[in-house]
Structure formats: C-alpha cells, structure tokens
Amino acid sequence: MHRPTFFLIPFVLLSVSAAWAESVEYTFTLNTSSIAGTTGSLDFALDPGAGSDQSLTALVSGFLSDGSYGGSQSATGDVTGGPVITGNPLTLNSTFADNDDLETFTYGNTLSFKVDLSGPALSAPDGLATSPYEFIFSTYSDAAGTVPVLTSDPNGISGGITISPEAVIDAGAISSELSVVATPEPSMLCLLGGALALFAGVRHKKRHN
C-alpha cells in the first residue's frame, strides 16, 4: 500500500513546478519613514539577458503608499501604462537592452507594489541567454534619478528579481528597508490543496486496509 503515495505525490509536485513556471508574482514593500517628505524618484526596469531570444514581461501594479506622485514620468524602451504611482498598471517588456520607467515621487512612510513576471523566458526557457534577465527596482532622493537613497548600491538599486537562462528565479533586497516576498498564484494554491487531499485520501485508504 505504500506505492500509491510514492507515485501520486511526486506527480502533483511536478505539476506545481509547472504552474510556477507560467507566471510568478512578488510583493515589494519598502519602509520610507526615514525620508518621509523628500521628493525623489522611483525607477522600474526590465533588462534581458545577453544573447537572449525569448521575451519576458513584467507587470507592475497595486502600488500603495501614503506618499504622492511627483507629476513626472519618463519611459525608455518597451514600456506602456503608468504612472504606476497613481494606480495605473505599468508593463515592461524585454524587447530592448534598456526598458525603464522613472517616476517622481514624494516619499511617505511606506510603499508597496506587486510585480508579475510571465513569458517564454519563464515558461519555456531555451537556455541560450548568457546572463540573467533582471527586474530592477531603484530609489533616489532626486527627481532625475541620480542620487541613491535607502540603499548601499551606488546605482540606486534597492532590490529586484533575476531569472536565469534556465528560468531559475532569485529575488532579494539590497536595501535593509525593503522586503521582497513571493505570492502564490491561485493555480499554485489549488494544486497544493489537491496534493494535500490526495495524500490524505491515500493515508485514509491505507489505514482502512
């Protein structure tokens, strides 16, 4: 009676891995209380890996803050939508070497937003890129985006997400004030629920046999 458990659970776990590969979502939360009232800028960028031939899309949405939009948005490359600070979703595609959105912002005490990544580079990677795809979030204390703030990185990077040529995902923060947390997709939750139900069913059958 051990065999059903051994085969069913790996099958579900493999399905979960496939679900993650279709799209991933992360929540960025930044404590800005130390610079509240400062007018600076936020930068959102998506850069393809060198030698990449597959597309990746980053959707930035759900921006929440007690700060306020500074009135200026400057986009470079394949960027549509925004300003994300005002609640309008922002889409960045890895079409060009530099796909970037800079928005002026008067900092409050905190800010947060969601980043959804999707595309062939994530769901069906061919491994031909020679460096990772990168979503980068940067913070500055000036409107031009030249003076880093809340981070030790000289270029202003507070945190980000990297996707390797094999679609291995790594997310993290440089700023001690930033947290980057993965958010399970609905499909992920359903599959996990299914895994638990299957496991419970097999265990129940085993006990009664």
N, C-alpha and C. Protein backbone atom coordinates (compact mmCIF):
# COMPACT_ATOMS: atom_id res chain seq x y z
N MET A 1 0.80 -1.22 0.00
CA MET A 1 0.00 0.00 0.00
C MET A 1 0.84 1.27 0.00
N HIS A 2 2.13 1.16 0.03
CA HIS A 2 2.97 2.36 0.03
C HIS A 2 3.12 2.95 -1.37
N ARG A 3 2.95 2.16 -2.40
CA ARG A 3 3.23 2.60 -3.77
C ARG A 3 2.37 3.77 -4.23
N PRO A 4 1.03 3.79 -3.95
CA PRO A 4 0.22 4.93 -4.40
C PRO A 4 0.72 6.26 -3.86
N THR A 5 1.11 6.28 -2.59
CA THR A 5 1.62 7.53 -2.01
C THR A 5 2.89 7.97 -2.72
N PHE A 6 3.78 7.05 -2.99
CA PHE A 6 5.07 7.37 -3.60
C PHE A 6 4.91 7.98 -4.98
N PHE A 7 3.93 7.50 -5.77
CA PHE A 7 3.78 7.98 -7.14
C PHE A 7 2.88 9.19 -7.26
N LEU A 8 1.83 9.27 -6.46
CA LEU A 8 0.89 10.38 -6.59
C LEU A 8 1.48 11.71 -6.16
N ILE A 9 2.17 11.73 -5.06
CA ILE A 9 2.70 12.99 -4.55
C ILE A 9 3.74 13.61 -5.47
N PRO A 10 4.74 12.86 -5.99
CA PRO A 10 5.67 13.46 -6.95
C PRO A 10 4.97 14.01 -8.17
N PHE A 11 3.91 13.35 -8.64
CA PHE A 11 3.18 13.85 -9.81
C PHE A 11 2.59 15.21 -9.55
N VAL A 12 2.00 15.38 -8.36
CA VAL A 12 1.40 16.68 -8.01
C VAL A 12 2.47 17.74 -7.86
N LEU A 13 3.59 17.37 -7.24
CA LEU A 13 4.66 18.34 -7.05
C LEU A 13 5.25 18.79 -8.38
N LEU A 14 5.34 17.88 -9.36
CA LEU A 14 5.81 18.27 -10.68
C LEU A 14 4.83 19.23 -11.33
N SER A 15 3.55 19.04 -11.11
CA SER A 15 2.54 19.95 -11.65
C SER A 15 2.66 21.32 -11.02
N VAL A 16 2.96 21.35 -9.71
CA VAL A 16 3.14 22.63 -9.03
C VAL A 16 4.31 23.40 -9.64
N SER A 17 5.41 22.70 -9.93
CA SER A 17 6.57 23.35 -10.54
C SER A 17 6.20 23.96 -11.88
N ALA A 18 5.40 23.25 -12.67
CA ALA A 18 4.98 23.75 -13.97
C ALA A 18 4.12 24.98 -13.82
N ALA A 19 3.25 24.98 -12.77
CA ALA A 19 2.38 26.14 -12.55
C ALA A 19 3.20 27.38 -12.22
N TRP A 20 4.26 27.21 -11.42
CA TRP A 20 5.10 28.34 -11.09
C TRP A 20 5.79 28.90 -12.34
N ALA A 21 6.13 28.04 -13.27
CA ALA A 21 6.86 28.48 -14.45
C ALA A 21 6.03 29.34 -15.38
N GLU A 22 4.69 29.23 -15.32
CA GLU A 22 3.85 30.02 -16.20
C GLU A 22 3.94 31.51 -15.86
N SER A 23 3.87 31.84 -14.59
CA SER A 23 3.99 33.23 -14.14
C SER A 23 4.34 33.22 -12.65
N VAL A 24 4.99 34.26 -12.20
CA VAL A 24 5.32 34.40 -10.79
C VAL A 24 4.99 35.81 -10.34
N GLU A 25 4.64 35.95 -9.07
CA GLU A 25 4.30 37.27 -8.52
C GLU A 25 5.07 37.52 -7.24
N TYR A 26 5.60 38.72 -7.11
CA TYR A 26 6.30 39.12 -5.91
C TYR A 26 5.75 40.45 -5.40
N THR A 27 5.73 40.60 -4.08
CA THR A 27 5.33 41.87 -3.46
C THR A 27 6.55 42.55 -2.88
N PHE A 28 6.76 43.80 -3.28
CA PHE A 28 7.84 44.63 -2.78
C PHE A 28 7.26 45.59 -1.73
N THR A 29 7.87 45.65 -0.56
CA THR A 29 7.43 46.57 0.49
C THR A 29 8.64 47.31 1.02
N LEU A 30 8.57 48.64 0.98
CA LEU A 30 9.72 49.47 1.37
C LEU A 30 9.34 50.43 2.49
N ASN A 31 10.11 50.41 3.57
CA ASN A 31 9.94 51.36 4.67
C ASN A 31 10.66 52.66 4.32
N THR A 32 9.90 53.73 4.12
CA THR A 32 10.48 55.02 3.72
C THR A 32 10.31 56.10 4.78
N SER A 33 10.02 55.67 6.01
CA SER A 33 9.73 56.64 7.07
C SER A 33 10.91 57.57 7.35
N SER A 34 12.13 57.10 7.14
CA SER A 34 13.32 57.92 7.43
C SER A 34 13.50 59.08 6.45
N ILE A 35 12.82 59.01 5.30
CA ILE A 35 12.94 60.09 4.30
C ILE A 35 11.57 60.66 3.94
N ALA A 36 10.60 60.47 4.81
CA ALA A 36 9.24 60.97 4.56
C ALA A 36 9.28 62.47 4.28
N GLY A 37 8.59 62.90 3.23
CA GLY A 37 8.55 64.30 2.83
C GLY A 37 9.57 64.66 1.76
N THR A 38 10.52 63.77 1.51
CA THR A 38 11.53 64.00 0.47
C THR A 38 10.94 63.74 -0.90
N THR A 39 11.17 64.64 -1.84
CA THR A 39 10.74 64.42 -3.22
C THR A 39 11.90 63.85 -4.02
N GLY A 40 11.73 62.66 -4.49
CA GLY A 40 12.77 61.99 -5.26
C GLY A 40 12.16 61.27 -6.43
N SER A 41 12.59 60.03 -6.66
CA SER A 41 12.05 59.27 -7.80
C SER A 41 12.20 57.77 -7.57
N LEU A 42 11.33 57.03 -8.24
CA LEU A 42 11.36 55.57 -8.23
C LEU A 42 11.60 55.09 -9.65
N ASP A 43 12.40 54.04 -9.78
CA ASP A 43 12.72 53.52 -11.11
C ASP A 43 12.40 52.04 -11.19
N PHE A 44 11.69 51.67 -12.26
CA PHE A 44 11.34 50.27 -12.52
C PHE A 44 11.97 49.88 -13.86
N ALA A 45 12.73 48.82 -13.89
CA ALA A 45 13.43 48.45 -15.12
C ALA A 45 13.37 46.94 -15.35
N LEU A 46 13.35 46.57 -16.63
CA LEU A 46 13.42 45.16 -17.02
C LEU A 46 14.47 45.02 -18.11
N ASP A 47 15.52 44.27 -17.82
CA ASP A 47 16.62 44.10 -18.77
C ASP A 47 16.74 42.64 -19.18
N PRO A 48 16.86 42.38 -20.49
CA PRO A 48 17.02 41.00 -20.95
C PRO A 48 18.44 40.49 -20.71
N GLY A 49 18.59 39.19 -20.66
CA GLY A 49 19.92 38.62 -20.56
C GLY A 49 20.65 38.74 -21.88
N ALA A 50 21.96 38.86 -21.82
CA ALA A 50 22.76 38.94 -23.04
C ALA A 50 22.54 37.69 -23.89
N GLY A 51 22.35 37.89 -25.17
CA GLY A 51 22.15 36.77 -26.09
C GLY A 51 20.77 36.15 -26.04
N SER A 52 19.85 36.78 -25.28
CA SER A 52 18.51 36.20 -25.15
C SER A 52 17.70 36.38 -26.43
N ASP A 53 16.87 35.38 -26.73
CA ASP A 53 15.99 35.46 -27.89
C ASP A 53 14.54 35.19 -27.50
N GLN A 54 14.25 35.22 -26.20
CA GLN A 54 12.90 34.98 -25.71
C GLN A 54 12.41 36.19 -24.91
N SER A 55 11.11 36.42 -24.97
CA SER A 55 10.55 37.60 -24.32
C SER A 55 10.17 37.32 -22.86
N LEU A 56 10.20 38.38 -22.08
CA LEU A 56 9.76 38.35 -20.69
C LEU A 56 8.99 39.64 -20.44
N THR A 57 7.89 39.56 -19.70
CA THR A 57 7.07 40.73 -19.39
C THR A 57 6.97 40.90 -17.89
N ALA A 58 7.10 42.14 -17.44
CA ALA A 58 6.91 42.47 -16.03
C ALA A 58 5.72 43.41 -15.92
N LEU A 59 4.71 43.02 -15.17
CA LEU A 59 3.56 43.88 -14.90
C LEU A 59 3.66 44.39 -13.48
N VAL A 60 3.79 45.70 -13.34
CA VAL A 60 3.88 46.33 -12.02
C VAL A 60 2.52 46.94 -11.71
N SER A 61 1.94 46.57 -10.58
CA SER A 61 0.59 47.05 -10.26
C SER A 61 0.39 47.07 -8.75
N GLY A 62 -0.80 47.51 -8.34
CA GLY A 62 -1.16 47.50 -6.93
C GLY A 62 -0.30 48.40 -6.06
N PHE A 63 0.13 49.53 -6.61
CA PHE A 63 1.01 50.43 -5.85
C PHE A 63 0.21 51.08 -4.71
N LEU A 64 0.74 50.98 -3.49
CA LEU A 64 0.10 51.57 -2.32
C LEU A 64 1.12 52.37 -1.52
N SER A 65 0.75 53.56 -1.10
CA SER A 65 1.67 54.39 -0.32
C SER A 65 0.92 55.57 0.28
N ASP A 66 1.46 56.11 1.37
CA ASP A 66 0.95 57.37 1.89
C ASP A 66 1.76 58.54 1.33
N GLY A 67 2.66 58.24 0.38
CA GLY A 67 3.37 59.28 -0.36
C GLY A 67 2.53 59.72 -1.55
N SER A 68 3.12 60.53 -2.43
CA SER A 68 2.33 61.06 -3.56
C SER A 68 3.17 61.17 -4.83
N TYR A 69 2.48 61.09 -5.94
CA TYR A 69 3.11 61.21 -7.26
C TYR A 69 3.69 62.61 -7.44
N GLY A 70 4.90 62.68 -7.99
CA GLY A 70 5.57 63.96 -8.16
C GLY A 70 5.23 64.68 -9.44
N GLY A 71 4.47 64.02 -10.35
CA GLY A 71 4.00 64.70 -11.55
C GLY A 71 4.78 64.43 -12.81
N SER A 72 5.84 63.60 -12.75
CA SER A 72 6.66 63.37 -13.93
C SER A 72 6.93 61.88 -14.13
N GLN A 73 6.78 61.42 -15.38
CA GLN A 73 7.09 60.04 -15.75
C GLN A 73 7.93 60.06 -17.01
N SER A 74 9.02 59.29 -17.00
CA SER A 74 9.91 59.21 -18.15
C SER A 74 10.18 57.75 -18.47
N ALA A 75 9.81 57.32 -19.69
CA ALA A 75 9.95 55.91 -20.07
C ALA A 75 10.96 55.75 -21.20
N THR A 76 11.71 54.66 -21.14
CA THR A 76 12.67 54.29 -22.18
C THR A 76 12.45 52.84 -22.59
N GLY A 77 12.52 52.56 -23.88
CA GLY A 77 12.35 51.19 -24.36
C GLY A 77 10.90 50.78 -24.45
N ASP A 78 10.63 49.50 -24.25
CA ASP A 78 9.29 48.95 -24.41
C ASP A 78 8.54 49.01 -23.08
N VAL A 79 7.96 50.18 -22.82
CA VAL A 79 7.23 50.43 -21.58
C VAL A 79 5.89 51.06 -21.91
N THR A 80 4.81 50.53 -21.34
CA THR A 80 3.49 51.10 -21.56
C THR A 80 2.75 51.21 -20.22
N GLY A 81 1.80 52.15 -20.17
CA GLY A 81 1.00 52.32 -18.96
C GLY A 81 1.64 53.25 -17.96
N GLY A 82 1.12 53.20 -16.74
CA GLY A 82 1.60 54.08 -15.69
C GLY A 82 0.99 55.47 -15.80
N PRO A 83 1.36 56.38 -14.91
CA PRO A 83 2.32 56.17 -13.81
C PRO A 83 1.80 55.13 -12.81
N VAL A 84 2.63 54.21 -12.45
CA VAL A 84 2.21 53.16 -11.53
C VAL A 84 1.94 53.74 -10.15
N ILE A 85 2.60 54.86 -9.82
CA ILE A 85 2.41 55.50 -8.53
C ILE A 85 0.98 55.99 -8.35
N THR A 86 0.31 56.34 -9.44
CA THR A 86 -1.07 56.83 -9.37
C THR A 86 -2.09 55.69 -9.45
N GLY A 87 -1.63 54.46 -9.50
CA GLY A 87 -2.53 53.32 -9.53
C GLY A 87 -2.73 52.70 -10.89
N ASN A 88 -2.06 53.24 -11.91
CA ASN A 88 -2.18 52.68 -13.25
C ASN A 88 -1.13 51.59 -13.47
N PRO A 89 -1.54 50.40 -13.88
CA PRO A 89 -0.57 49.32 -14.11
C PRO A 89 0.49 49.71 -15.13
N LEU A 90 1.67 49.21 -14.93
CA LEU A 90 2.81 49.50 -15.79
C LEU A 90 3.33 48.19 -16.38
N THR A 91 3.52 48.15 -17.70
CA THR A 91 4.01 46.95 -18.35
C THR A 91 5.37 47.21 -18.98
N LEU A 92 6.34 46.37 -18.64
CA LEU A 92 7.67 46.44 -19.22
C LEU A 92 7.95 45.14 -19.95
N ASN A 93 8.39 45.24 -21.20
CA ASN A 93 8.75 44.07 -21.99
C ASN A 93 10.25 44.08 -22.26
N SER A 94 10.84 42.91 -22.35
CA SER A 94 12.30 42.79 -22.51
C SER A 94 12.72 42.93 -23.98
N THR A 95 12.08 43.83 -24.69
CA THR A 95 12.32 43.98 -26.13
C THR A 95 13.69 44.57 -26.44
N PHE A 96 14.08 45.55 -25.64
CA PHE A 96 15.33 46.26 -25.87
C PHE A 96 16.31 46.03 -24.72
N ALA A 97 17.52 46.50 -24.90
CA ALA A 97 18.52 46.33 -23.85
C ALA A 97 18.17 47.12 -22.59
N ASP A 98 17.43 48.23 -22.76
CA ASP A 98 17.06 49.08 -21.64
C ASP A 98 15.56 49.38 -21.72
N ASN A 99 14.79 48.83 -20.79
CA ASN A 99 13.35 49.08 -20.71
C ASN A 99 13.08 49.62 -19.31
N ASP A 100 12.83 50.92 -19.24
CA ASP A 100 12.93 51.61 -17.95
C ASP A 100 11.83 52.65 -17.78
N ASP A 101 11.32 52.76 -16.55
CA ASP A 101 10.31 53.76 -16.21
C ASP A 101 10.74 54.50 -14.94
N LEU A 102 10.91 55.81 -15.05
CA LEU A 102 11.31 56.66 -13.93
C LEU A 102 10.16 57.59 -13.58
N GLU A 103 9.72 57.59 -12.32
CA GLU A 103 8.60 58.42 -11.88
C GLU A 103 9.00 59.21 -10.64
N THR A 104 8.68 60.50 -10.65
CA THR A 104 8.97 61.31 -9.47
C THR A 104 7.97 60.99 -8.37
N PHE A 105 8.46 61.11 -7.14
CA PHE A 105 7.66 60.64 -6.02
C PHE A 105 8.05 61.37 -4.74
N THR A 106 7.04 61.83 -3.99
CA THR A 106 7.28 62.39 -2.66
C THR A 106 7.04 61.28 -1.65
N TYR A 107 8.09 60.88 -0.98
CA TYR A 107 8.03 59.73 -0.09
C TYR A 107 7.14 59.98 1.13
N GLY A 108 6.41 58.93 1.51
CA GLY A 108 5.68 58.92 2.76
C GLY A 108 6.40 58.00 3.73
N ASN A 109 5.63 57.22 4.49
CA ASN A 109 6.24 56.32 5.47
C ASN A 109 6.49 54.92 4.91
N THR A 110 5.73 54.56 3.90
CA THR A 110 5.89 53.22 3.33
C THR A 110 5.36 53.19 1.91
N LEU A 111 5.77 52.18 1.15
CA LEU A 111 5.20 51.94 -0.17
C LEU A 111 5.28 50.45 -0.46
N SER A 112 4.38 49.99 -1.31
CA SER A 112 4.40 48.60 -1.73
C SER A 112 3.80 48.47 -3.12
N PHE A 113 4.18 47.42 -3.83
CA PHE A 113 3.63 47.14 -5.15
C PHE A 113 3.87 45.67 -5.48
N LYS A 114 3.17 45.21 -6.51
CA LYS A 114 3.31 43.83 -6.96
C LYS A 114 3.98 43.78 -8.32
N VAL A 115 4.75 42.74 -8.55
CA VAL A 115 5.38 42.50 -9.85
C VAL A 115 5.02 41.09 -10.32
N ASP A 116 4.37 41.01 -11.47
CA ASP A 116 4.05 39.72 -12.09
C ASP A 116 4.95 39.52 -13.30
N LEU A 117 5.66 38.42 -13.33
CA LEU A 117 6.55 38.09 -14.44
C LEU A 117 5.96 36.94 -15.25
N SER A 118 6.01 37.06 -16.58
CA SER A 118 5.49 35.99 -17.44
C SER A 118 6.17 36.07 -18.80
N GLY A 119 6.04 35.00 -19.57
CA GLY A 119 6.60 34.96 -20.92
C GLY A 119 7.42 33.72 -21.17
N PRO A 120 7.79 33.48 -22.42
CA PRO A 120 8.55 32.28 -22.79
C PRO A 120 9.86 32.11 -22.02
N ALA A 121 10.51 33.21 -21.68
CA ALA A 121 11.78 33.10 -20.94
C ALA A 121 11.57 32.44 -19.59
N LEU A 122 10.33 32.48 -19.10
CA LEU A 122 10.00 31.87 -17.82
C LEU A 122 9.30 30.52 -17.99
N SER A 123 8.39 30.43 -18.95
CA SER A 123 7.57 29.23 -19.10
C SER A 123 8.18 28.16 -20.00
N ALA A 124 9.04 28.58 -20.94
CA ALA A 124 9.66 27.62 -21.86
C ALA A 124 11.07 28.06 -22.22
N PRO A 125 11.95 28.16 -21.24
CA PRO A 125 13.30 28.69 -21.49
C PRO A 125 14.12 27.80 -22.41
N ASP A 126 14.84 28.45 -23.34
CA ASP A 126 15.71 27.67 -24.23
C ASP A 126 17.16 27.66 -23.76
N GLY A 127 17.48 28.44 -22.71
CA GLY A 127 18.81 28.41 -22.12
C GLY A 127 19.90 29.06 -22.95
N LEU A 128 19.51 29.84 -23.97
CA LEU A 128 20.52 30.42 -24.86
C LEU A 128 21.11 31.73 -24.34
N ALA A 129 20.42 32.41 -23.44
CA ALA A 129 20.96 33.65 -22.89
C ALA A 129 22.24 33.35 -22.11
N THR A 130 23.15 34.30 -22.10
CA THR A 130 24.42 34.10 -21.40
C THR A 130 24.49 34.85 -20.07
N SER A 131 23.41 35.57 -19.73
CA SER A 131 23.30 36.24 -18.44
C SER A 131 21.83 36.34 -18.08
N PRO A 132 21.50 36.59 -16.81
CA PRO A 132 20.10 36.57 -16.38
C PRO A 132 19.29 37.75 -16.91
N TYR A 133 17.97 37.53 -17.02
CA TYR A 133 17.01 38.61 -17.15
C TYR A 133 16.91 39.26 -15.77
N GLU A 134 16.65 40.57 -15.74
CA GLU A 134 16.58 41.24 -14.44
C GLU A 134 15.44 42.25 -14.38
N PHE A 135 14.62 42.15 -13.32
CA PHE A 135 13.71 43.23 -12.97
C PHE A 135 14.38 43.98 -11.83
N ILE A 136 14.51 45.30 -11.98
CA ILE A 136 15.26 46.09 -11.01
C ILE A 136 14.40 47.24 -10.49
N PHE A 137 14.37 47.38 -9.16
CA PHE A 137 13.67 48.50 -8.51
C PHE A 137 14.71 49.38 -7.83
N SER A 138 14.71 50.67 -8.19
CA SER A 138 15.71 51.60 -7.66
C SER A 138 15.03 52.81 -7.01
N THR A 139 15.71 53.38 -6.03
CA THR A 139 15.17 54.52 -5.29
C THR A 139 16.18 55.66 -5.23
N TYR A 140 15.67 56.87 -5.42
CA TYR A 140 16.54 58.05 -5.47
C TYR A 140 15.93 59.20 -4.66
N SER A 141 16.80 60.09 -4.20
CA SER A 141 16.34 61.25 -3.43
C SER A 141 16.23 62.50 -4.29
N ASP A 142 16.45 62.35 -5.62
CA ASP A 142 16.29 63.48 -6.54
C ASP A 142 15.39 63.05 -7.69
N ALA A 143 14.78 64.05 -8.34
CA ALA A 143 13.83 63.78 -9.42
C ALA A 143 14.50 63.18 -10.65
N ALA A 144 15.78 63.45 -10.83
CA ALA A 144 16.49 62.98 -12.03
C ALA A 144 16.94 61.52 -11.93
N GLY A 145 16.86 60.95 -10.73
CA GLY A 145 17.29 59.57 -10.56
C GLY A 145 18.80 59.40 -10.57
N THR A 146 19.50 60.27 -9.89
CA THR A 146 20.97 60.20 -9.87
C THR A 146 21.56 60.06 -8.46
N VAL A 147 20.75 60.32 -7.43
CA VAL A 147 21.25 60.26 -6.05
C VAL A 147 20.55 59.12 -5.31
N PRO A 148 21.23 57.99 -5.10
CA PRO A 148 20.61 56.84 -4.44
C PRO A 148 20.18 57.15 -3.01
N VAL A 149 19.09 56.49 -2.59
CA VAL A 149 18.63 56.66 -1.22
C VAL A 149 18.08 55.33 -0.72
N LEU A 150 18.25 55.08 0.58
CA LEU A 150 17.79 53.86 1.25
C LEU A 150 18.47 52.59 0.74
N THR A 151 19.61 52.73 0.11
CA THR A 151 20.33 51.57 -0.40
C THR A 151 21.83 51.85 -0.42
N SER A 152 22.61 50.79 -0.30
CA SER A 152 24.06 50.93 -0.35
C SER A 152 24.58 50.79 -1.78
N ASP A 153 23.70 50.44 -2.72
CA ASP A 153 24.13 50.27 -4.10
C ASP A 153 24.40 51.63 -4.75
N PRO A 154 25.56 51.83 -5.37
CA PRO A 154 25.91 53.14 -5.95
C PRO A 154 25.02 53.54 -7.12
N ASN A 155 24.32 52.57 -7.71
CA ASN A 155 23.42 52.88 -8.82
C ASN A 155 21.97 53.08 -8.36
N GLY A 156 21.74 52.93 -7.07
CA GLY A 156 20.41 53.16 -6.54
C GLY A 156 19.51 51.94 -6.47
N ILE A 157 20.03 50.76 -6.80
CA ILE A 157 19.20 49.56 -6.79
C ILE A 157 18.86 49.17 -5.35
N SER A 158 17.56 49.08 -5.08
CA SER A 158 17.11 48.65 -3.75
C SER A 158 16.82 47.16 -3.70
N GLY A 159 16.42 46.59 -4.84
CA GLY A 159 16.14 45.16 -4.89
C GLY A 159 15.67 44.75 -6.26
N GLY A 160 15.43 43.46 -6.43
CA GLY A 160 14.99 43.02 -7.74
C GLY A 160 14.78 41.53 -7.83
N ILE A 161 14.56 41.08 -9.07
CA ILE A 161 14.32 39.67 -9.36
C ILE A 161 15.18 39.30 -10.56
N THR A 162 15.89 38.19 -10.47
CA THR A 162 16.66 37.70 -11.61
C THR A 162 16.10 36.36 -12.07
N ILE A 163 16.11 36.17 -13.39
CA ILE A 163 15.66 34.91 -13.99
C ILE A 163 16.81 34.39 -14.84
N SER A 164 17.35 33.24 -14.48
CA SER A 164 18.48 32.69 -15.20
C SER A 164 18.06 32.19 -16.57
N PRO A 165 19.01 31.90 -17.47
CA PRO A 165 18.67 31.35 -18.79
C PRO A 165 17.86 30.05 -18.69
N GLU A 166 17.96 29.36 -17.53
CA GLU A 166 17.19 28.12 -17.32
C GLU A 166 15.91 28.37 -16.53
N ALA A 167 15.57 29.67 -16.35
CA ALA A 167 14.35 30.09 -15.64
C ALA A 167 14.38 29.81 -14.14
N VAL A 168 15.58 29.80 -13.57
CA VAL A 168 15.70 29.73 -12.11
C VAL A 168 15.54 31.15 -11.58
N ILE A 169 14.62 31.33 -10.64
CA ILE A 169 14.27 32.67 -10.16
C ILE A 169 14.93 32.94 -8.82
N ASP A 170 15.47 34.15 -8.69
CA ASP A 170 16.07 34.59 -7.44
C ASP A 170 15.62 36.02 -7.19
N ALA A 171 15.00 36.26 -6.04
CA ALA A 171 14.53 37.61 -5.70
C ALA A 171 15.12 38.02 -4.37
N GLY A 172 15.45 39.30 -4.23
CA GLY A 172 16.04 39.75 -2.99
C GLY A 172 16.19 41.25 -2.91
N ALA A 173 16.66 41.71 -1.76
CA ALA A 173 16.80 43.14 -1.50
C ALA A 173 18.24 43.50 -1.19
N ILE A 174 18.63 44.67 -1.67
CA ILE A 174 19.91 45.27 -1.27
C ILE A 174 19.65 46.22 -0.11
N SER A 175 18.57 46.97 -0.20
CA SER A 175 18.19 47.89 0.87
C SER A 175 17.72 47.12 2.09
N SER A 176 18.18 47.52 3.26
CA SER A 176 17.74 46.89 4.50
C SER A 176 16.30 47.26 4.84
N GLU A 177 15.75 48.24 4.12
CA GLU A 177 14.38 48.69 4.35
C GLU A 177 13.37 47.99 3.43
N LEU A 178 13.86 47.14 2.54
CA LEU A 178 13.00 46.51 1.54
C LEU A 178 12.80 45.03 1.82
N SER A 179 11.57 44.57 1.63
CA SER A 179 11.30 43.13 1.64
C SER A 179 10.70 42.75 0.30
N VAL A 180 11.10 41.59 -0.21
CA VAL A 180 10.59 41.06 -1.47
C VAL A 180 10.08 39.65 -1.19
N VAL A 181 8.76 39.47 -1.33
CA VAL A 181 8.12 38.23 -0.92
C VAL A 181 7.34 37.62 -2.08
N ALA A 182 7.53 36.33 -2.32
CA ALA A 182 6.78 35.64 -3.36
C ALA A 182 5.33 35.47 -2.94
N THR A 183 4.42 35.65 -3.90
CA THR A 183 2.99 35.48 -3.66
C THR A 183 2.51 34.28 -4.45
N PRO A 184 1.97 33.26 -3.78
CA PRO A 184 1.47 32.09 -4.52
C PRO A 184 0.35 32.47 -5.47
N GLU A 185 0.40 31.93 -6.69
CA GLU A 185 -0.68 32.13 -7.65
C GLU A 185 -1.87 31.25 -7.26
N PRO A 186 -3.12 31.60 -7.70
CA PRO A 186 -4.28 30.77 -7.41
C PRO A 186 -4.10 29.32 -7.85
N SER A 187 -3.45 29.12 -9.02
CA SER A 187 -3.24 27.75 -9.50
C SER A 187 -2.32 26.99 -8.56
N MET A 188 -1.36 27.70 -8.00
CA MET A 188 -0.44 27.08 -7.06
C MET A 188 -1.19 26.60 -5.82
N LEU A 189 -2.10 27.46 -5.31
CA LEU A 189 -2.85 27.11 -4.12
C LEU A 189 -3.77 25.92 -4.38
N CYS A 190 -4.38 25.89 -5.56
CA CYS A 190 -5.26 24.78 -5.91
C CYS A 190 -4.48 23.46 -5.97
N LEU A 191 -3.30 23.52 -6.58
CA LEU A 191 -2.50 22.30 -6.71
C LEU A 191 -2.00 21.82 -5.35
N LEU A 192 -1.63 22.77 -4.49
CA LEU A 192 -1.20 22.38 -3.15
C LEU A 192 -2.36 21.75 -2.38
N GLY A 193 -3.56 22.34 -2.56
CA GLY A 193 -4.74 21.77 -1.92
C GLY A 193 -5.00 20.37 -2.44
N GLY A 194 -4.83 20.18 -3.75
CA GLY A 194 -5.01 18.86 -4.35
C GLY A 194 -4.01 17.86 -3.82
N ALA A 195 -2.77 18.30 -3.63
CA ALA A 195 -1.73 17.42 -3.11
C ALA A 195 -2.08 16.94 -1.71
N LEU A 196 -2.56 17.87 -0.88
CA LEU A 196 -2.93 17.50 0.48
C LEU A 196 -4.11 16.55 0.49
N ALA A 197 -5.09 16.82 -0.40
CA ALA A 197 -6.27 15.96 -0.47
C ALA A 197 -5.89 14.55 -0.92
N LEU A 198 -5.02 14.44 -1.93
CA LEU A 198 -4.58 13.13 -2.40
C LEU A 198 -3.82 12.38 -1.31
N PHE A 199 -2.95 13.12 -0.63
CA PHE A 199 -2.16 12.49 0.42
C PHE A 199 -3.06 11.98 1.54
N ALA A 200 -4.06 12.81 1.92
CA ALA A 200 -4.99 12.41 2.98
C ALA A 200 -5.81 11.21 2.55
N GLY A 201 -6.22 11.19 1.27
CA GLY A 201 -7.01 10.07 0.77
C GLY A 201 -6.25 8.77 0.78
N VAL A 202 -4.99 8.83 0.34
CA VAL A 202 -4.17 7.62 0.32
C VAL A 202 -3.92 7.12 1.73
N ARG A 203 -3.65 8.04 2.66
CA ARG A 203 -3.40 7.66 4.05
C ARG A 203 -4.64 7.03 4.67
N HIS A 204 -5.82 7.62 4.33
CA HIS A 204 -7.07 7.10 4.88
C HIS A 204 -7.32 5.68 4.37
N LYS A 205 -7.07 5.45 3.06
CA LYS A 205 -7.27 4.14 2.48
C LYS A 205 -6.31 3.12 3.11
N LYS A 206 -5.09 3.57 3.34
CA LYS A 206 -4.08 2.67 3.93
C LYS A 206 -4.52 2.19 5.31
N ARG A 207 -5.06 3.13 6.11
CA ARG A 207 -5.47 2.79 7.47
C ARG A 207 -6.60 1.76 7.47
N HIS A 208 -7.49 1.88 6.50
CA HIS A 208 -8.65 1.00 6.46
C HIS A 208 -8.37 -0.34 5.76
N ASN A 209 -7.18 -0.47 5.23
CA ASN A 209 -6.79 -1.73 4.62
C ASN A 209 -5.83 -2.49 5.54
